[in-house]
Every structure is written in structure tokens, then in C-alpha cells.
Amino acid sequence: MRVLVLVKATHDSERDSIPKAEMDEMMEEMGKFNEELVEAGIMKAGDCDGLTPSSQGKRVAFDGSGRSVIDGPFVATSELVAGFWFWTVKDMDEAVAWVKRCPNPMPSRSEVEIRPIA
């Protein structure tokens, strides 16, 4: 089973306000976790550094044949993605077990979403 694992954004990640020392420690812990995923044959792709805040992004809105560009930042922080992985697991239970082993990707409360790939 292939899954997309999404690290949800927080107000801290959107403000890019996580102190450097704290960010360095979190990235070191996440790097170790990523190594475990690779060694176990779970991780197929992912971002090692996380995504930039949505203020640096753009969206393209489609309306029939029309296209319009929307500049970030995007307001619904809880609906934004701060990082991702593509994993291959035997089932959703295995994906959940791996996510539970993940270090907290943010300095405060955060969420990770798991979605099967069709």
C-alpha cells in the first residue's frame, strides 16, 4: 500500500518563527527517523528540510478555461502542509505505527495526516 504522509502546518511554521537551535534539534531527530524509514524500506520519497511557509507559495485557481494566480500566504493554517513523505507500507495500521514513532515535527501541538494513494 502506498501512502502520502502529510505534516500539517502550524502558526509557528507559517511564521517561520521556530528558533534556530530548536529547529536544528528537530531536524536532527527527524533525520534519524528518516534514516530508519529508509533502512526499513518504507520511505520512497520525502522532503528532508520541510516546505517553506505559504507566504512564499502560489496557487493557480481553475475556472473552466480560465486561470488565476493567488499569492500566499494562505489563511487556513490547519489546512496547509509543512512537509511530506511517500511511503510503501503493508497497510494503514503499519503507517499509523510509523507515524506514532515520528518525533514531533513542530515545537508545539501538531498533526500528521496519512492518505492512501489511489
C-alpha atoms as a PDB file:
ATOM      1  CA  MET A   1       0.000   0.000   0.000  1.00  0.00           C
ATOM      2  CA  ARG A   2       1.338   3.426  -0.939  1.00  0.00           C
ATOM      3  CA  VAL A   3       0.539   6.390   1.311  1.00  0.00           C
ATOM      4  CA  LEU A   4       1.199  10.091   1.364  1.00  0.00           C
ATOM      5  CA  VAL A   5       2.091  11.269   4.856  1.00  0.00           C
ATOM      6  CA  LEU A   6       1.455  14.984   5.373  1.00  0.00           C
ATOM      7  CA  VAL A   7       2.948  17.079   8.168  1.00  0.00           C
ATOM      8  CA  LYS A   8       0.365  19.764   8.785  1.00  0.00           C
ATOM      9  CA  ALA A   9       1.482  23.388   9.129  1.00  0.00           C
ATOM     10  CA  THR A  10       1.193  25.324  12.383  1.00  0.00           C
ATOM     11  CA  HIS A  11       1.251  29.020  13.183  1.00  0.00           C
ATOM     12  CA  ASP A  12       4.960  28.639  14.073  1.00  0.00           C
ATOM     13  CA  SER A  13       5.856  27.001  10.751  1.00  0.00           C
ATOM     14  CA  GLU A  14       3.847  29.597   8.807  1.00  0.00           C
ATOM     15  CA  ARG A  15       5.565  32.476  10.619  1.00  0.00           C
ATOM     16  CA  ASP A  16       8.928  30.755  10.162  1.00  0.00           C
ATOM     17  CA  SER A  17       9.477  31.653  13.826  1.00  0.00           C
ATOM     18  CA  ILE A  18      10.956  28.462  15.262  1.00  0.00           C
ATOM     19  CA  PRO A  19      14.261  29.374  16.951  1.00  0.00           C
ATOM     20  CA  LYS A  20      17.316  28.099  15.054  1.00  0.00           C
ATOM     21  CA  ALA A  21      18.646  25.920  17.905  1.00  0.00           C
ATOM     22  CA  GLU A  22      15.246  24.287  18.347  1.00  0.00           C
ATOM     23  CA  MET A  23      14.880  23.828  14.584  1.00  0.00           C
ATOM     24  CA  ASP A  24      18.340  22.265  14.333  1.00  0.00           C
ATOM     25  CA  GLU A  25      17.491  19.782  17.103  1.00  0.00           C
ATOM     26  CA  MET A  26      14.138  18.906  15.496  1.00  0.00           C
ATOM     27  CA  MET A  27      15.793  18.418  12.086  1.00  0.00           C
ATOM     28  CA  GLU A  28      18.439  16.149  13.605  1.00  0.00           C
ATOM     29  CA  GLU A  29      15.762  13.980  15.250  1.00  0.00           C
ATOM     30  CA  MET A  30      13.737  13.919  12.019  1.00  0.00           C
ATOM     31  CA  GLY A  31      16.866  12.969  10.047  1.00  0.00           C
ATOM     32  CA  LYS A  32      17.367   9.942  12.296  1.00  0.00           C
ATOM     33  CA  PHE A  33      13.719   8.972  11.841  1.00  0.00           C
ATOM     34  CA  ASN A  34      14.048   9.326   8.066  1.00  0.00           C
ATOM     35  CA  GLU A  35      17.085   7.016   8.141  1.00  0.00           C
ATOM     36  CA  GLU A  36      15.013   4.406   9.997  1.00  0.00           C
ATOM     37  CA  LEU A  37      12.283   4.707   7.366  1.00  0.00           C
ATOM     38  CA  VAL A  38      14.773   4.248   4.524  1.00  0.00           C
ATOM     39  CA  GLU A  39      16.504   1.290   6.218  1.00  0.00           C
ATOM     40  CA  ALA A  40      13.103  -0.375   6.745  1.00  0.00           C
ATOM     41  CA  GLY A  41      12.233   0.129   3.063  1.00  0.00           C
ATOM     42  CA  ILE A  42       9.246   2.336   3.995  1.00  0.00           C
ATOM     43  CA  MET A  43      10.236   5.779   2.703  1.00  0.00           C
ATOM     44  CA  LYS A  44      10.242   6.137  -1.069  1.00  0.00           C
ATOM     45  CA  ALA A  45      10.483   9.940  -1.233  1.00  0.00           C
ATOM     46  CA  GLY A  46      10.071  12.933   1.014  1.00  0.00           C
ATOM     47  CA  ASP A  47      11.320  16.363   1.862  1.00  0.00           C
ATOM     48  CA  CYS A  48      14.290  16.440   4.197  1.00  0.00           C
ATOM     49  CA  ASP A  49      14.008  20.115   5.113  1.00  0.00           C
ATOM     50  CA  GLY A  50      10.274  20.736   5.152  1.00  0.00           C
ATOM     51  CA  LEU A  51       8.402  23.198   2.995  1.00  0.00           C
ATOM     52  CA  THR A  52       8.697  26.979   3.204  1.00  0.00           C
ATOM     53  CA  PRO A  53       5.810  28.992   4.667  1.00  0.00           C
ATOM     54  CA  SER A  54       2.821  29.532   2.375  1.00  0.00           C
ATOM     55  CA  SER A  55       3.773  33.230   2.129  1.00  0.00           C
ATOM     56  CA  GLN A  56       6.398  32.048  -0.349  1.00  0.00           C
ATOM     57  CA  GLY A  57       3.911  29.982  -2.368  1.00  0.00           C
ATOM     58  CA  LYS A  58       1.333  30.498  -5.060  1.00  0.00           C
ATOM     59  CA  ARG A  59      -1.877  28.747  -6.053  1.00  0.00           C
ATOM     60  CA  VAL A  60      -3.383  28.546  -9.501  1.00  0.00           C
ATOM     61  CA  ALA A  61      -7.188  28.640  -9.476  1.00  0.00           C
ATOM     62  CA  PHE A  62      -9.055  26.964 -12.343  1.00  0.00           C
ATOM     63  CA  ASP A  63     -12.474  28.103 -13.536  1.00  0.00           C
ATOM     64  CA  GLY A  64     -13.364  26.399 -16.806  1.00  0.00           C
ATOM     65  CA  SER A  65     -10.730  27.574 -19.271  1.00  0.00           C
ATOM     66  CA  GLY A  66      -9.699  30.497 -17.039  1.00  0.00           C
ATOM     67  CA  ARG A  67      -6.694  30.523 -14.738  1.00  0.00           C
ATOM     68  CA  SER A  68      -5.781  32.973 -11.999  1.00  0.00           C
ATOM     69  CA  VAL A  69      -2.793  33.102  -9.685  1.00  0.00           C
ATOM     70  CA  ILE A  70      -3.248  33.586  -5.949  1.00  0.00           C
ATOM     71  CA  ASP A  71      -0.214  34.703  -3.947  1.00  0.00           C
ATOM     72  CA  GLY A  72       0.389  33.318  -0.454  1.00  0.00           C
ATOM     73  CA  PRO A  73       0.155  33.457   2.451  1.00  0.00           C
ATOM     74  CA  PHE A  74      -2.917  31.269   2.703  1.00  0.00           C
ATOM     75  CA  VAL A  75      -5.122  31.801   5.741  1.00  0.00           C
ATOM     76  CA  ALA A  76      -6.316  28.354   6.822  1.00  0.00           C
ATOM     77  CA  THR A  77      -3.075  27.283   8.524  1.00  0.00           C
ATOM     78  CA  SER A  78      -4.536  23.992   9.747  1.00  0.00           C
ATOM     79  CA  GLU A  79      -5.238  23.031   6.123  1.00  0.00           C
ATOM     80  CA  LEU A  80      -1.679  23.718   4.909  1.00  0.00           C
ATOM     81  CA  VAL A  81       1.157  21.239   4.518  1.00  0.00           C
ATOM     82  CA  ALA A  82       4.593  21.861   6.047  1.00  0.00           C
ATOM     83  CA  GLY A  83       6.225  18.610   4.905  1.00  0.00           C
ATOM     84  CA  PHE A  84       5.552  15.231   3.330  1.00  0.00           C
ATOM     85  CA  TRP A  85       6.699  11.651   2.722  1.00  0.00           C
ATOM     86  CA  PHE A  86       5.731   8.955   0.227  1.00  0.00           C
ATOM     87  CA  TRP A  87       5.778   5.567   1.950  1.00  0.00           C
ATOM     88  CA  THR A  88       5.106   1.986   0.997  1.00  0.00           C
ATOM     89  CA  VAL A  89       3.586   0.017   3.871  1.00  0.00           C
ATOM     90  CA  LYS A  90       1.648  -3.237   4.146  1.00  0.00           C
ATOM     91  CA  ASP A  91      -1.483  -1.481   5.456  1.00  0.00           C
ATOM     92  CA  MET A  92      -2.809   1.612   7.212  1.00  0.00           C
ATOM     93  CA  ASP A  93      -2.020   0.120  10.630  1.00  0.00           C
ATOM     94  CA  GLU A  94       1.675  -0.040   9.731  1.00  0.00           C
ATOM     95  CA  ALA A  95       1.597   3.572   8.509  1.00  0.00           C
ATOM     96  CA  VAL A  96      -0.022   4.691  11.768  1.00  0.00           C
ATOM     97  CA  ALA A  97       2.567   2.761  13.793  1.00  0.00           C
ATOM     98  CA  TRP A  98       5.417   4.517  11.946  1.00  0.00           C
ATOM     99  CA  VAL A  99       3.844   7.957  12.370  1.00  0.00           C
ATOM    100  CA  LYS A 100       3.461   7.316  16.113  1.00  0.00           C
ATOM    101  CA  ARG A 101       7.239   6.746  16.250  1.00  0.00           C
ATOM    102  CA  CYS A 102       7.917  10.060  14.486  1.00  0.00           C
ATOM    103  CA  PRO A 103       9.412  12.894  16.536  1.00  0.00           C
ATOM    104  CA  ASN A 104       7.005  15.801  16.888  1.00  0.00           C
ATOM    105  CA  PRO A 105       7.671  17.788  13.697  1.00  0.00           C
ATOM    106  CA  MET A 106       6.774  21.093  15.394  1.00  0.00           C
ATOM    107  CA  PRO A 107       7.769  22.661  18.717  1.00  0.00           C
ATOM    108  CA  SER A 108       4.145  22.561  19.911  1.00  0.00           C
ATOM    109  CA  ARG A 109       0.980  20.584  19.130  1.00  0.00           C
ATOM    110  CA  SER A 110       0.986  19.295  15.581  1.00  0.00           C
ATOM    111  CA  GLU A 111      -0.755  16.771  13.340  1.00  0.00           C
ATOM    112  CA  VAL A 112       0.366  14.323  10.679  1.00  0.00           C
ATOM    113  CA  GLU A 113      -2.179  13.095   8.146  1.00  0.00           C
ATOM    114  CA  ILE A 114      -1.931   9.754   6.297  1.00  0.00           C
ATOM    115  CA  ARG A 115      -3.679   9.362   2.952  1.00  0.00           C
ATOM    116  CA  PRO A 116      -3.688   6.230   0.777  1.00  0.00           C
ATOM    117  CA  ILE A 117      -2.591   6.838  -2.809  1.00  0.00           C
ATOM    118  CA  ALA A 118      -5.217   5.692  -5.324  1.00  0.00           C
END
